[in-house]
Amino acid sequence: MRVEKMTKLEFKALTSDNWNDFEKLFGKNGAFCGCWCMYWRLTNKEFKSKQGEVNKLLFKEIVDSGERPGVLAYLDGIPAGWIAISSREKLPTLEKSKQLKRIDEKPVWSISCFYVGTKFRKMGLMQHLIKAAIDFARENGAAIVEGYPIEKNRKYAPVSIYLGIKSAFVKEGFEELENNSGRSIMRYIL
Protein backbone atom coordinates (compact mmCIF):
# COMPACT_ATOMS: atom_id res chain seq x y z
CA MET A 1 0.00 0.00 0.00
CA ARG A 2 1.32 3.46 -0.89
CA VAL A 3 1.19 6.36 1.56
CA GLU A 4 -1.34 8.10 -0.69
CA LYS A 5 -3.85 5.35 0.14
CA MET A 6 -3.67 6.11 3.87
CA THR A 7 -6.47 8.20 5.30
CA LYS A 8 -4.31 10.81 7.02
CA LEU A 9 -0.66 11.76 6.69
CA GLU A 10 0.72 14.58 8.84
CA PHE A 11 4.09 15.92 9.97
CA LYS A 12 5.18 17.48 13.23
CA ALA A 13 8.52 18.88 14.32
CA LEU A 14 10.00 16.85 17.16
CA THR A 15 9.52 18.68 20.48
CA SER A 16 9.29 17.70 24.13
CA ASP A 17 5.52 17.44 23.61
CA ASN A 18 5.78 14.55 21.15
CA TRP A 19 8.99 12.92 22.45
CA ASN A 20 6.97 9.82 23.44
CA ASP A 21 5.98 9.36 19.79
CA PHE A 22 9.65 9.49 18.80
CA GLU A 23 10.47 6.87 21.45
CA LYS A 24 7.63 4.68 20.22
CA LEU A 25 8.88 4.89 16.62
CA PHE A 26 12.54 4.23 17.49
CA GLY A 27 11.70 1.39 19.90
CA LYS A 28 13.96 -0.12 22.53
CA ASN A 29 16.97 -0.24 20.19
CA GLY A 30 16.92 3.46 19.30
CA ALA A 31 16.20 2.77 15.60
CA PHE A 32 19.46 0.92 15.02
CA CYS A 33 22.07 -0.17 17.58
CA GLY A 34 21.19 2.56 20.05
CA CYS A 35 21.85 5.41 17.65
CA TRP A 36 18.96 7.65 18.73
CA CYS A 37 19.98 9.97 15.87
CA MET A 38 23.22 10.97 17.59
CA TYR A 39 25.70 9.55 15.04
CA TRP A 40 26.44 12.87 13.31
CA ARG A 41 26.24 14.89 16.53
CA LEU A 42 29.13 13.15 18.34
CA THR A 43 32.67 12.17 17.44
CA ASN A 44 33.03 8.51 16.44
CA LYS A 45 34.71 7.73 19.77
CA GLU A 46 31.96 9.46 21.75
CA PHE A 47 29.23 7.78 19.72
CA LYS A 48 30.60 4.27 20.26
CA SER A 49 30.94 4.80 23.99
CA LYS A 50 27.41 6.20 24.38
CA GLN A 51 25.30 3.89 22.21
CA GLY A 52 21.95 3.02 23.69
CA GLU A 53 20.43 4.72 26.71
CA VAL A 54 23.11 7.44 26.93
CA ASN A 55 22.50 8.51 23.31
CA LYS A 56 18.78 8.55 24.01
CA LEU A 57 19.26 10.83 27.02
CA LEU A 58 21.61 13.10 25.06
CA PHE A 59 19.12 13.44 22.22
CA LYS A 60 16.31 14.11 24.67
CA GLU A 61 18.41 16.92 26.21
CA ILE A 62 18.72 18.46 22.74
CA VAL A 63 14.97 18.30 22.23
CA ASP A 64 14.22 19.54 25.77
CA SER A 65 16.53 22.53 25.15
CA GLY A 66 14.06 23.75 22.53
CA GLU A 67 15.95 22.61 19.45
CA ARG A 68 13.73 20.89 16.91
CA PRO A 69 16.15 18.45 15.23
CA GLY A 70 13.75 16.96 12.72
CA VAL A 71 10.26 15.97 11.72
CA LEU A 72 8.07 13.01 12.62
CA ALA A 73 5.60 11.57 10.11
CA TYR A 74 2.28 10.20 11.32
CA LEU A 75 0.08 7.86 9.31
CA ASP A 76 -3.44 7.75 10.66
CA GLY A 77 -2.14 9.20 13.94
CA ILE A 78 0.60 6.59 14.39
CA PRO A 79 4.28 7.66 14.39
CA ALA A 80 5.60 6.09 11.19
CA GLY A 81 8.75 7.90 10.08
CA TRP A 82 11.47 10.36 10.98
CA ILE A 83 13.76 12.72 9.12
CA ALA A 84 16.59 14.54 10.87
CA ILE A 85 17.29 18.01 9.53
CA SER A 86 19.30 20.80 11.07
CA SER A 87 22.01 23.27 10.27
CA ARG A 88 25.15 21.43 9.27
CA GLU A 89 27.11 23.18 12.03
CA LYS A 90 25.18 21.12 14.61
CA LEU A 91 26.59 17.91 13.11
CA PRO A 92 30.34 17.84 13.91
CA THR A 93 30.97 14.37 12.47
CA LEU A 94 29.40 15.44 9.18
CA GLU A 95 31.50 18.61 9.25
CA LYS A 96 34.66 16.47 9.61
CA SER A 97 33.65 13.87 7.01
CA LYS A 98 36.13 13.45 4.18
CA GLN A 99 33.56 11.80 1.92
CA LEU A 100 30.87 14.39 2.56
CA LYS A 101 33.00 17.49 2.99
CA ARG A 102 31.52 20.89 2.30
CA ILE A 103 31.30 21.99 -1.31
CA ASP A 104 31.48 25.67 -0.31
CA GLU A 105 31.02 27.87 2.72
CA LYS A 106 27.34 28.63 2.13
CA PRO A 107 25.17 27.92 5.19
CA VAL A 108 23.19 24.74 4.63
CA TRP A 109 20.71 22.61 6.48
CA SER A 110 21.49 18.91 6.23
CA ILE A 111 19.15 15.97 5.98
CA SER A 112 21.23 13.55 8.03
CA CYS A 113 18.95 10.61 8.76
CA PHE A 114 15.75 8.82 7.83
CA TYR A 115 14.02 6.16 9.85
CA VAL A 116 10.79 4.51 8.77
CA GLY A 117 9.07 2.03 11.06
CA THR A 118 9.08 -1.55 9.84
CA LYS A 119 5.31 -1.63 9.20
CA PHE A 120 5.52 1.52 7.07
CA ARG A 121 8.38 0.70 4.72
CA LYS A 122 8.03 0.45 0.92
CA MET A 123 5.07 2.82 0.95
CA GLY A 124 6.78 5.93 -0.44
CA LEU A 125 7.10 7.66 2.93
CA MET A 126 10.69 8.81 2.26
CA GLN A 127 9.44 11.10 -0.50
CA HIS A 128 6.93 12.72 1.83
CA LEU A 129 9.54 13.11 4.57
CA ILE A 130 11.83 14.98 2.17
CA LYS A 131 8.98 17.37 1.30
CA ALA A 132 8.30 17.91 5.00
CA ALA A 133 11.99 18.59 5.66
CA ILE A 134 12.11 21.20 2.89
CA ASP A 135 9.05 22.93 4.37
CA PHE A 136 10.53 22.75 7.88
CA ALA A 137 13.84 24.24 6.71
CA ARG A 138 12.04 27.04 4.85
CA GLU A 139 9.94 27.87 7.93
CA ASN A 140 13.14 28.10 9.97
CA GLY A 141 14.96 30.49 7.64
CA ALA A 142 17.19 28.07 5.74
CA ALA A 143 18.25 29.01 2.21
CA ILE A 144 19.79 25.67 1.16
CA VAL A 145 19.01 22.06 2.06
CA GLU A 146 21.51 19.28 1.41
CA GLY A 147 21.15 15.52 1.34
CA TYR A 148 23.76 12.77 1.08
CA PRO A 149 21.86 9.78 -0.33
CA ILE A 150 23.00 6.44 -1.67
CA GLU A 151 22.35 5.03 -5.12
CA LYS A 152 19.63 2.39 -5.11
CA ASN A 153 21.36 0.22 -7.73
CA ARG A 154 21.68 -2.81 -5.48
CA LYS A 155 19.80 -4.29 -2.57
CA TYR A 156 20.63 -2.65 0.75
CA ALA A 157 19.63 -3.61 4.26
CA PRO A 158 17.10 -1.06 5.55
CA VAL A 159 19.65 0.40 7.98
CA SER A 160 22.03 1.14 5.09
CA ILE A 161 19.67 3.67 3.57
CA TYR A 162 19.51 5.95 6.61
CA LEU A 163 20.79 8.81 4.43
CA GLY A 164 18.06 8.23 1.86
CA ILE A 165 17.93 7.13 -1.75
CA LYS A 166 19.16 9.42 -4.52
CA SER A 167 16.08 9.01 -6.72
CA ALA A 168 13.81 10.31 -3.94
CA PHE A 169 15.91 13.49 -3.71
CA VAL A 170 15.92 13.92 -7.49
CA LYS A 171 12.10 13.67 -7.55
CA GLU A 172 11.93 16.54 -5.05
CA GLY A 173 14.13 18.79 -7.17
CA PHE A 174 17.53 18.29 -5.53
CA GLU A 175 20.51 18.65 -7.84
CA GLU A 176 23.74 16.71 -7.49
CA LEU A 177 26.85 18.80 -6.92
CA GLU A 178 30.26 18.09 -8.35
CA ASN A 179 32.58 16.60 -5.76
CA ASN A 180 35.54 14.23 -5.71
CA SER A 181 34.39 12.07 -2.82
CA GLY A 182 32.54 9.35 -4.70
CA ARG A 183 29.42 10.08 -2.61
CA SER A 184 26.36 12.03 -3.68
CA ILE A 185 25.95 15.51 -2.28
CA MET A 186 22.63 16.93 -3.40
CA ARG A 187 21.30 20.42 -2.90
CA TYR A 188 17.91 22.11 -2.95
CA ILE A 189 17.78 25.91 -3.10
CA LEU A 190 14.82 27.40 -1.22
Foldseek 3Di string as FASTA:
>chain_A
DALVPFPDKDKDFDAPVCVVLQCVQCDQCCLDNQQVVCCQQDDPVVRVVQRGPNNVVVVNVCRHVVDRQWMFMDGVNHGFKIWGKDWSVNGNNLCVDPLNHDPDDATEIEGAFMGGHPVPPPRPVVLVRVVVNVVVCVVVPGFKYKAWADDPPDDDDVVVGGRHHPVSCVVVPWDFDDDDNPTTITMDGD
